């Protein structure tokens, strides 16, 4: 390829990277998220076209298989994205993330077996390929385990004793194995197979002990792993758009992981080693007298109508009931009565980062009405009623009161600071962390039992009749 033509391709890749950066910036705000997603997708589409038609020194003419793969993959992705419910979006994200890791892992496997056998002796390209294999393998199997936990069929069925030590041993073994392989004058393909097996096993042992309540952090961390694996795959081929795109995904995923760890009072080291959120049990956190006061829709509607300020705390139960639209309708009904209505969003509410923000954006809830944890906690003391809809662990006072609780130390939404707290829930069942919510037995707490969508509809109807 001539230098002039190469320069044009490099300029095209630079434009793709600009699209990625601007698109990523747009995703930081719900009002610009759709445009940001479109820009990032446009950049990726352009990058694919450039990569497909860039002249190579060795062109094997595999365009039939390439386009067949693109068409099949695009069809599966489009059908999955259109079919999936918002409640299952975290599972879809986990699968897509795992496939990204698997792609980098497969690239590394292919390139390792194309290496000349005399490679080794601290070959830099070989080191990069090993990293792509290891990190991609972790992301692949780890994401599959996360998918199983989110679906529920692996939530309590797997227990791995001594998982922290197993993870440390596997990590140390991997570092030692790569160092040994690089120190040899020739590449031993048996070591490649062993490294592949270790990476796949490590992904399982890394995610298995982590409790379902901590899945938002895990998804974010695995996403950063996939980005790093893609960056290493880009270094293998010298493709700058793969490198920069992978770095952007890895860096943003890491930053989000750190922020979410801070929100849960966890250390990043604790996440890397694994094992948080998987200990404790249903008996932890039973620190209050188990007395429940029940509310009814008629009385609650009158209380809401004559309130000055109401804060709604959404959780996964709101998503399961598909009640975001009727929740917004209740919000507008209260505002018509002069009530100041806001929403309190915990950083790890739901099953993935930003789950509640996406849910409420779908119902056209104005973004300025959403309060983060710190701002919401400042508002609660002057709030007449807090409606907790489907949230559980993120409002559980056991995080502050019970050192034996697995969520002890996690910052929560202090809804008990409000004058009244009403919890909309189907039953008294425990949350995703597997412990009872002590908010149910609070002095100013009441339970409104039933499906969230049905209960909210009743409240809207009762307020209209009041």
Protein backbone atom coordinates (compact mmCIF):
# COMPACT_ATOMS: atom_id res chain seq x y z
CA UNK A 1 0.00 0.00 0.00
CA UNK A 2 1.32 3.46 -0.90
CA UNK A 3 2.06 5.90 1.89
CA UNK A 4 -0.54 8.36 0.57
CA UNK A 5 -3.29 5.72 0.63
CA UNK A 6 -2.21 4.58 4.10
CA UNK A 7 -2.48 8.17 5.33
CA UNK A 8 -6.08 8.35 4.13
CA UNK A 9 -6.93 5.16 6.02
CA UNK A 10 -5.23 6.47 9.15
CA UNK A 11 -7.23 9.71 8.83
CA UNK A 12 -10.42 7.65 8.52
CA UNK A 13 -9.55 5.75 11.68
CA UNK A 14 -8.93 9.05 13.48
CA UNK A 15 -12.42 10.22 12.46
CA UNK A 16 -13.85 6.97 13.86
CA UNK A 17 -12.11 7.59 17.18
CA UNK A 18 -13.54 11.13 17.32
CA UNK A 19 -17.01 9.63 16.77
CA UNK A 20 -16.36 7.23 19.68
CA UNK A 21 -15.26 10.00 22.03
CA UNK A 22 -18.13 12.35 21.17
CA UNK A 23 -20.60 9.46 21.37
CA UNK A 24 -19.27 8.38 24.76
CA UNK A 25 -19.63 11.95 26.01
CA UNK A 26 -23.25 11.96 24.81
CA UNK A 27 -24.00 8.82 26.81
CA UNK A 28 -23.26 10.67 30.04
CA UNK A 29 -26.62 12.47 29.89
CA UNK A 30 -30.03 10.87 29.19
CA UNK A 31 -31.03 13.87 27.07
CA UNK A 32 -28.14 13.26 24.65
CA UNK A 33 -27.76 9.49 25.08
CA UNK A 34 -29.68 8.55 21.92
CA UNK A 35 -27.58 10.89 19.78
CA UNK A 36 -24.39 9.69 21.47
CA UNK A 37 -25.27 6.07 20.82
CA UNK A 38 -25.94 6.85 17.16
CA UNK A 39 -22.61 8.64 16.78
CA UNK A 40 -20.68 5.81 18.40
CA UNK A 41 -22.45 3.26 16.19
CA UNK A 42 -21.65 5.36 13.12
CA UNK A 43 -17.99 5.43 14.09
CA UNK A 44 -17.98 1.66 14.53
CA UNK A 45 -19.66 1.14 11.17
CA UNK A 46 -17.10 3.36 9.44
CA UNK A 47 -14.26 1.53 11.20
CA UNK A 48 -15.58 -1.81 9.96
CA UNK A 49 -15.77 -0.56 6.37
CA UNK A 50 -12.23 0.82 6.52
CA UNK A 51 -10.87 -2.40 8.02
CA UNK A 52 -12.65 -4.55 5.43
CA UNK A 53 -11.38 -2.69 2.38
CA UNK A 54 -7.96 -1.62 3.59
CA UNK A 55 -5.45 -3.26 1.21
CA UNK A 56 -3.25 -5.78 3.01
CA UNK A 57 0.05 -7.37 2.10
CA UNK A 58 -1.56 -10.78 2.54
CA UNK A 59 -5.15 -10.72 1.33
CA UNK A 60 -6.64 -14.19 1.54
CA UNK A 61 -9.91 -13.21 -0.16
CA UNK A 62 -12.19 -14.37 2.67
CA UNK A 63 -14.83 -11.74 2.03
CA UNK A 64 -17.59 -14.32 1.59
CA UNK A 65 -17.07 -15.70 5.09
CA UNK A 66 -16.59 -12.21 6.53
CA UNK A 67 -19.83 -10.85 5.12
CA UNK A 68 -21.68 -14.03 6.00
CA UNK A 69 -20.54 -13.64 9.60
CA UNK A 70 -21.51 -9.95 9.63
CA UNK A 71 -25.00 -10.68 8.28
CA UNK A 72 -25.66 -13.57 10.66
CA UNK A 73 -24.28 -11.72 13.69
CA UNK A 74 -26.14 -8.53 12.83
CA UNK A 75 -29.38 -10.45 12.41
CA UNK A 76 -29.03 -12.17 15.77
CA UNK A 77 -28.08 -8.89 17.47
CA UNK A 78 -30.96 -6.95 15.93
CA UNK A 79 -33.52 -9.63 16.78
CA UNK A 80 -32.23 -9.92 20.35
CA UNK A 81 -32.21 -6.16 20.93
CA UNK A 82 -35.76 -5.75 19.62
CA UNK A 83 -37.15 -8.71 21.52
CA UNK A 84 -35.53 -8.21 24.92
CA UNK A 85 -37.52 -6.60 27.72
CA UNK A 86 -35.94 -3.76 29.68
CA UNK A 87 -35.87 -5.98 32.78
CA UNK A 88 -33.66 -8.45 30.89
CA UNK A 89 -31.31 -5.77 29.52
CA UNK A 90 -28.56 -6.58 32.09
CA UNK A 91 -28.55 -10.20 30.90
CA UNK A 92 -28.27 -9.07 27.27
CA UNK A 93 -25.42 -6.71 28.17
CA UNK A 94 -23.62 -9.59 29.92
CA UNK A 95 -23.96 -11.83 26.86
CA UNK A 96 -22.79 -9.15 24.44
CA UNK A 97 -19.89 -8.33 26.75
CA UNK A 98 -18.93 -12.00 26.98
CA UNK A 99 -18.98 -12.36 23.20
CA UNK A 100 -16.65 -9.37 22.92
CA UNK A 101 -14.22 -11.06 25.27
CA UNK A 102 -14.57 -14.33 23.34
CA UNK A 103 -13.73 -12.52 20.08
CA UNK A 104 -10.48 -11.16 21.52
CA UNK A 105 -9.69 -14.58 22.98
CA UNK A 106 -10.19 -16.28 19.60
CA UNK A 107 -8.01 -13.69 17.85
CA UNK A 108 -5.25 -14.41 20.35
CA UNK A 109 -5.58 -18.19 19.89
CA UNK A 110 -5.37 -17.92 16.11
CA UNK A 111 -2.38 -15.59 16.22
CA UNK A 112 -0.54 -17.68 18.83
CA UNK A 113 -0.78 -20.74 16.62
CA UNK A 114 0.48 -18.65 13.67
CA UNK A 115 3.55 -17.55 15.62
CA UNK A 116 6.81 -19.05 14.43
CA UNK A 117 7.91 -21.74 16.86
CA UNK A 118 11.15 -19.90 17.53
CA UNK A 119 9.18 -17.00 19.05
CA UNK A 120 9.81 -16.34 22.71
CA UNK A 121 12.72 -14.79 24.54
CA UNK A 122 10.60 -11.88 25.77
CA UNK A 123 8.95 -11.18 22.43
CA UNK A 124 6.76 -8.09 22.96
CA UNK A 125 4.13 -9.15 20.41
CA UNK A 126 3.87 -12.53 22.11
CA UNK A 127 3.31 -10.88 25.49
CA UNK A 128 0.49 -8.73 24.08
CA UNK A 129 -1.15 -11.81 22.56
CA UNK A 130 -0.97 -13.69 25.86
CA UNK A 131 -2.70 -10.77 27.58
CA UNK A 132 -5.47 -10.71 24.96
CA UNK A 133 -6.00 -14.43 25.50
CA UNK A 134 -6.09 -14.26 29.28
CA UNK A 135 -8.25 -11.16 29.70
CA UNK A 136 -10.61 -12.17 26.90
CA UNK A 137 -11.09 -15.60 28.46
CA UNK A 138 -11.91 -14.09 31.86
CA UNK A 139 -14.45 -11.73 30.30
CA UNK A 140 -16.07 -14.57 28.34
CA UNK A 141 -16.72 -17.09 31.12
CA UNK A 142 -17.16 -14.41 33.78
CA UNK A 143 -19.91 -12.78 31.74
CA UNK A 144 -21.63 -16.14 31.28
CA UNK A 145 -21.64 -16.69 35.04
CA UNK A 146 -22.95 -13.15 35.55
CA UNK A 147 -25.73 -13.92 33.06
CA UNK A 148 -26.67 -17.01 35.04
CA UNK A 149 -26.77 -15.07 38.29
CA UNK A 150 -28.89 -12.32 36.76
CA UNK A 151 -31.29 -14.93 35.39
CA UNK A 152 -31.47 -16.53 38.83
CA UNK A 153 -30.56 -20.14 38.05
CA UNK A 154 -26.97 -19.69 39.33
CA UNK A 155 -27.79 -17.24 42.08
CA UNK A 156 -27.59 -19.60 45.06
CA UNK A 157 -26.68 -22.88 43.40
CA UNK A 158 -22.92 -22.34 43.26
CA UNK A 159 -20.66 -22.05 46.27
CA UNK A 160 -16.89 -21.97 45.98
CA UNK A 161 -15.01 -22.37 49.29
CA UNK A 162 -11.75 -20.46 49.53
CA UNK A 163 -12.51 -18.55 46.34
CA UNK A 164 -10.23 -15.63 47.23
CA UNK A 165 -7.23 -17.93 47.59
CA UNK A 166 -8.11 -19.85 44.43
CA UNK A 167 -8.26 -16.58 42.48
CA UNK A 168 -4.92 -15.42 43.85
CA UNK A 169 -3.30 -18.76 43.03
CA UNK A 170 -4.68 -18.70 39.48
CA UNK A 171 -3.56 -15.11 38.96
CA UNK A 172 -0.06 -15.81 40.30
CA UNK A 173 0.10 -18.99 38.23
CA UNK A 174 -0.84 -17.07 35.08
CA UNK A 175 1.85 -14.46 35.63
CA UNK A 176 4.42 -17.18 36.26
CA UNK A 177 3.30 -19.18 33.23
CA UNK A 178 3.53 -16.19 30.88
CA UNK A 179 6.94 -15.28 32.27
CA UNK A 180 8.17 -18.83 31.78
CA UNK A 181 6.80 -19.00 28.21
CA UNK A 182 8.52 -15.75 27.28
CA UNK A 183 11.83 -16.87 28.76
CA UNK A 184 11.99 -19.97 26.56
CA UNK A 185 13.80 -19.87 23.21
CA UNK A 186 10.83 -21.53 21.49
CA UNK A 187 7.06 -21.21 21.91
CA UNK A 188 5.56 -24.25 23.63
CA UNK A 189 1.98 -24.64 22.37
CA UNK A 190 1.13 -26.80 25.37
CA UNK A 191 1.58 -23.71 27.53
CA UNK A 192 -0.85 -21.86 25.28
CA UNK A 193 -3.50 -24.51 25.95
CA UNK A 194 -2.85 -24.41 29.69
CA UNK A 195 -3.10 -20.61 29.72
CA UNK A 196 -6.41 -20.80 27.82
CA UNK A 197 -7.84 -23.26 30.36
CA UNK A 198 -6.68 -21.13 33.31
CA UNK A 199 -8.23 -17.97 31.84
CA UNK A 200 -11.59 -19.70 31.34
CA UNK A 201 -11.51 -21.20 34.85
CA UNK A 202 -10.48 -17.89 36.38
CA UNK A 203 -13.50 -16.18 34.85
CA UNK A 204 -15.73 -18.74 36.59
CA UNK A 205 -13.98 -18.59 39.98
CA UNK A 206 -13.84 -14.79 39.82
CA UNK A 207 -17.59 -14.21 39.41
CA UNK A 208 -19.04 -17.31 41.13
CA UNK A 209 -18.67 -16.14 44.76
CA UNK A 210 -19.97 -12.63 44.07
CA UNK A 211 -23.50 -12.02 45.31
CA UNK A 212 -26.27 -11.05 42.92
CA UNK A 213 -26.71 -7.70 44.65
CA UNK A 214 -23.23 -6.73 43.48
CA UNK A 215 -23.82 -7.61 39.83
CA UNK A 216 -23.84 -3.94 38.66
CA UNK A 217 -20.21 -3.63 39.77
CA UNK A 218 -19.30 -6.96 38.18
CA UNK A 219 -20.89 -6.06 34.84
CA UNK A 220 -19.01 -2.77 34.79
CA UNK A 221 -15.69 -4.46 35.65
CA UNK A 222 -16.15 -7.21 33.06
CA UNK A 223 -16.94 -4.52 30.50
CA UNK A 224 -13.60 -2.89 31.24
CA UNK A 225 -11.90 -6.29 30.83
CA UNK A 226 -13.48 -6.68 27.39
CA UNK A 227 -12.22 -3.23 26.43
CA UNK A 228 -8.68 -4.09 27.51
CA UNK A 229 -8.82 -7.38 25.61
CA UNK A 230 -9.96 -5.50 22.49
CA UNK A 231 -7.10 -3.02 22.91
CA UNK A 232 -4.58 -5.85 23.11
CA UNK A 233 -6.16 -7.45 20.03
CA UNK A 234 -5.69 -4.11 18.26
CA UNK A 235 -2.01 -4.10 19.20
CA UNK A 236 -1.67 -7.57 17.67
CA UNK A 237 -2.77 -6.22 14.28
CA UNK A 238 -1.46 -2.69 14.66
CA UNK A 239 -5.00 -1.35 14.21
CA UNK A 240 -5.26 2.00 15.97
CA UNK A 241 -9.08 2.17 16.02
CA UNK A 242 -9.22 -1.17 17.88
CA UNK A 243 -6.59 0.05 20.31
CA UNK A 244 -8.24 3.41 20.97
CA UNK A 245 -11.76 1.95 21.09
CA UNK A 246 -10.63 -0.72 23.54
CA UNK A 247 -8.87 1.86 25.71
CA UNK A 248 -12.01 4.01 25.80
CA UNK A 249 -14.17 1.06 26.83
CA UNK A 250 -11.61 -0.16 29.35
CA UNK A 251 -11.04 3.27 30.88
CA UNK A 252 -14.73 4.18 31.11
CA UNK A 253 -15.58 0.76 32.54
CA UNK A 254 -12.81 1.04 35.12
CA UNK A 255 -13.86 4.56 36.12
CA UNK A 256 -17.49 3.43 36.48
CA UNK A 257 -16.35 0.44 38.53
CA UNK A 258 -14.41 2.66 40.92
CA UNK A 259 -17.36 5.03 41.31
CA UNK A 260 -19.73 2.13 42.00
CA UNK A 261 -17.30 0.59 44.48
CA UNK A 262 -17.26 3.89 46.33
CA UNK A 263 -21.06 3.92 46.27
CA UNK A 264 -21.07 0.44 47.86
CA UNK A 265 -18.14 1.13 50.19
CA UNK A 266 -16.07 -1.58 48.52
CA UNK A 267 -12.42 -1.48 47.48
CA UNK A 268 -11.38 -2.17 43.90
CA UNK A 269 -8.89 -4.76 45.19
CA UNK A 270 -11.79 -6.54 46.86
CA UNK A 271 -13.57 -6.69 43.50
CA UNK A 272 -10.50 -7.98 41.64
CA UNK A 273 -9.84 -10.73 44.18
CA UNK A 274 -13.54 -11.54 44.28
CA UNK A 275 -15.80 -12.81 47.00
CA UNK A 276 -17.69 -9.77 48.22
CA UNK A 277 -21.43 -9.83 48.51
CA UNK A 278 -21.55 -13.59 48.58
CA UNK A 279 -21.36 -14.10 52.31
CA UNK A 280 -23.97 -13.69 54.96
CA UNK A 281 -27.50 -14.98 54.71
CA UNK A 282 -31.13 -14.47 55.37
CA UNK A 283 -30.68 -14.41 59.15
CA UNK A 284 -28.35 -11.43 59.04
CA UNK A 285 -29.86 -8.04 59.68
CA UNK A 286 -32.77 -9.20 61.88
CA UNK A 287 -32.17 -6.46 64.43
CA UNK A 288 -35.66 -4.97 64.91
CA UNK A 289 -38.96 -6.08 66.30
CA UNK A 290 -40.79 -7.74 63.41
CA UNK A 291 -43.96 -5.63 63.41
CA UNK A 292 -45.45 -4.67 60.04
CA UNK A 293 -47.97 -1.88 59.50
CA UNK A 294 -50.03 -2.19 56.31
CA UNK A 295 -51.28 0.71 54.16
CA UNK A 296 -54.22 0.87 51.76
CA UNK A 297 -54.55 2.75 48.50
CA UNK A 298 -57.48 4.94 49.58
CA UNK A 299 -55.78 6.38 52.68
CA UNK A 300 -52.41 6.69 50.96
CA UNK A 301 -53.90 8.60 48.02
CA UNK A 302 -55.33 11.21 50.40
CA UNK A 303 -51.98 11.50 52.18
CA UNK A 304 -50.17 11.98 48.87
CA UNK A 305 -52.71 14.56 47.68
CA UNK A 306 -52.14 16.79 50.71
CA UNK A 307 -48.35 16.33 50.88
CA UNK A 308 -45.94 19.13 50.05
CA UNK A 309 -43.05 16.93 48.95
CA UNK A 310 -42.94 13.29 47.82
CA UNK A 311 -39.84 11.34 46.77
CA UNK A 312 -40.10 8.13 44.75
CA UNK A 313 -37.37 5.49 45.14
CA UNK A 314 -37.45 3.13 42.11
CA UNK A 315 -35.92 -0.34 42.14
CA UNK A 316 -35.79 -3.55 40.16
CA UNK A 317 -39.38 -4.39 41.17
CA UNK A 318 -40.58 -1.33 39.25
CA UNK A 319 -38.85 -2.68 36.15
CA UNK A 320 -40.24 -6.19 36.63
CA UNK A 321 -43.79 -4.83 36.90
CA UNK A 322 -43.22 -2.58 33.86
CA UNK A 323 -44.74 0.17 35.98
CA UNK A 324 -42.52 3.10 34.97
CA UNK A 325 -45.23 4.71 32.81
CA UNK A 326 -47.96 4.57 35.45
CA UNK A 327 -45.41 5.80 38.00
CA UNK A 328 -44.86 8.86 35.80
CA UNK A 329 -48.63 9.23 35.55
CA UNK A 330 -48.89 9.22 39.36
CA UNK A 331 -46.12 11.81 39.47
CA UNK A 332 -48.06 14.11 37.13
CA UNK A 333 -51.28 13.54 39.10
CA UNK A 334 -49.55 14.60 42.32
CA UNK A 335 -47.97 17.63 40.67
CA UNK A 336 -51.43 18.71 39.48
CA UNK A 337 -52.33 18.87 43.18
CA UNK A 338 -49.31 21.08 43.90
CA UNK A 339 -47.04 18.33 45.25
CA UNK A 340 -43.28 18.60 44.66
CA UNK A 341 -42.27 15.18 43.29
CA UNK A 342 -38.72 13.92 42.80
CA UNK A 343 -36.94 10.59 42.33
CA UNK A 344 -34.05 9.23 44.42
CA UNK A 345 -31.62 7.05 42.44
CA UNK A 346 -29.10 4.82 44.20
CA UNK A 347 -25.93 4.21 42.12
CA UNK A 348 -26.41 0.43 42.17
CA UNK A 349 -30.21 0.23 42.04
CA UNK A 350 -31.37 -2.37 39.54
CA UNK A 351 -29.17 -4.95 37.86
CA UNK A 352 -26.73 -2.83 35.88
CA UNK A 353 -25.20 0.67 36.01
CA UNK A 354 -27.82 3.30 35.18
CA UNK A 355 -30.68 0.78 35.06
CA UNK A 356 -33.15 3.06 36.85
CA UNK A 357 -32.12 6.10 34.80
CA UNK A 358 -32.85 4.21 31.58
CA UNK A 359 -36.15 2.90 32.99
CA UNK A 360 -37.40 6.37 33.92
CA UNK A 361 -36.11 7.93 30.69
CA UNK A 362 -38.24 5.42 28.80
CA UNK A 363 -41.28 6.86 30.62
CA UNK A 364 -40.16 10.43 29.75
CA UNK A 365 -39.48 11.40 33.36
CA UNK A 366 -37.57 14.74 33.23
CA UNK A 367 -33.91 14.17 34.06
CA UNK A 368 -33.68 17.13 36.51
CA UNK A 369 -36.16 15.32 38.77
CA UNK A 370 -33.61 12.56 39.42
CA UNK A 371 -31.58 13.01 42.60
CA UNK A 372 -28.36 11.14 43.30
CA UNK A 373 -27.73 9.50 46.68
CA UNK A 374 -26.18 12.47 48.48
CA UNK A 375 -28.72 15.02 47.25
CA UNK A 376 -31.62 12.68 48.03
CA UNK A 377 -30.42 12.09 51.58
CA UNK A 378 -30.38 15.85 52.12
CA UNK A 379 -34.00 16.08 50.92
CA UNK A 380 -35.49 13.22 52.98
CA UNK A 381 -35.81 15.10 56.32
CA UNK A 382 -38.15 17.63 54.67
CA UNK A 383 -40.13 15.00 52.72
CA UNK A 384 -43.67 14.09 53.72
CA UNK A 385 -43.85 10.69 52.00
CA UNK A 386 -41.29 8.44 50.38
CA UNK A 387 -42.66 5.83 47.98
CA UNK A 388 -40.27 2.88 47.73
CA UNK A 389 -41.25 0.94 44.60
CA UNK A 390 -39.38 -2.32 44.20
CA UNK A 391 -36.15 -1.18 45.84
CA UNK A 392 -34.81 -3.30 48.67
CA UNK A 393 -31.15 -3.56 49.62
CA UNK A 394 -30.37 0.07 48.70
CA UNK A 395 -32.81 1.31 51.39
CA UNK A 396 -32.08 -1.34 54.03
CA UNK A 397 -31.05 0.23 57.38
CA UNK A 398 -29.13 -2.98 58.19
CA UNK A 399 -26.32 -1.45 56.13
CA UNK A 400 -25.86 1.03 58.98
CA UNK A 401 -27.10 -0.95 62.01
CA UNK A 402 -25.95 -4.55 61.70
CA UNK A 403 -22.21 -5.40 61.41
CA UNK A 404 -23.21 -9.02 60.65
CA UNK A 405 -25.09 -8.01 57.52
CA UNK A 406 -23.38 -8.67 54.16
CA UNK A 407 -24.31 -5.13 53.05
CA UNK A 408 -22.97 -3.47 56.22
CA UNK A 409 -21.11 -0.27 55.36
CA UNK A 410 -22.84 0.26 52.02
CA UNK A 411 -24.19 3.81 51.68
CA UNK A 412 -27.98 3.67 51.39
CA UNK A 413 -30.87 6.01 50.71
CA UNK A 414 -31.92 7.13 54.19
CA UNK A 415 -35.65 7.00 53.53
CA UNK A 416 -36.33 6.63 57.27
CA UNK A 417 -35.35 10.27 57.64
CA UNK A 418 -38.63 11.21 55.93
CA UNK A 419 -41.85 11.70 57.87
CA UNK A 420 -43.41 8.62 56.26
CA UNK A 421 -42.13 5.74 54.15
CA UNK A 422 -44.47 3.51 52.15
CA UNK A 423 -43.03 0.38 50.53
CA UNK A 424 -44.81 -1.07 47.49
CA UNK A 425 -44.02 -4.77 47.34
CA UNK A 426 -45.63 -8.09 46.49
CA UNK A 427 -44.59 -9.75 49.76
CA UNK A 428 -42.15 -9.63 52.66
CA UNK A 429 -39.52 -11.56 50.68
CA UNK A 430 -35.86 -10.68 51.04
CA UNK A 431 -33.95 -8.60 48.52
CA UNK A 432 -31.34 -9.73 46.02
CA UNK A 433 -28.65 -9.79 48.71
CA UNK A 434 -30.71 -12.47 50.48
CA UNK A 435 -31.46 -10.56 53.70
CA UNK A 436 -34.62 -9.12 55.17
CA UNK A 437 -35.15 -5.39 54.78
CA UNK A 438 -35.31 -3.73 58.19
CA UNK A 439 -37.11 -0.75 56.65
CA UNK A 440 -40.28 -2.88 56.60
CA UNK A 441 -40.39 -2.70 60.40
CA UNK A 442 -39.55 0.97 60.83
CA UNK A 443 -41.58 3.21 63.12
CA UNK A 444 -42.80 5.38 60.22
CA UNK A 445 -42.93 2.61 57.60
CA UNK A 446 -45.99 0.99 56.04
CA UNK A 447 -46.38 -1.74 53.44
CA UNK A 448 -48.68 -1.53 50.41
CA UNK A 449 -48.79 -5.13 49.18
CA UNK A 450 -49.46 -6.07 45.57
CA UNK A 451 -48.07 -5.79 42.07
CA UNK A 452 -46.40 -2.38 41.67
CA UNK A 453 -48.25 -1.52 38.46
CA UNK A 454 -51.64 -2.46 39.92
CA UNK A 455 -50.95 -0.57 43.16
CA UNK A 456 -49.87 2.58 41.32
CA UNK A 457 -52.94 2.43 39.09
CA UNK A 458 -55.13 2.26 42.19
CA UNK A 459 -53.36 5.29 43.65
CA UNK A 460 -53.90 7.28 40.45
CA UNK A 461 -57.57 6.28 40.41
CA UNK A 462 -58.08 7.08 44.10
CA UNK A 463 -56.41 10.48 43.77
CA UNK A 464 -58.70 11.27 40.85
CA UNK A 465 -61.73 10.40 42.97
CA UNK A 466 -60.56 12.13 46.14
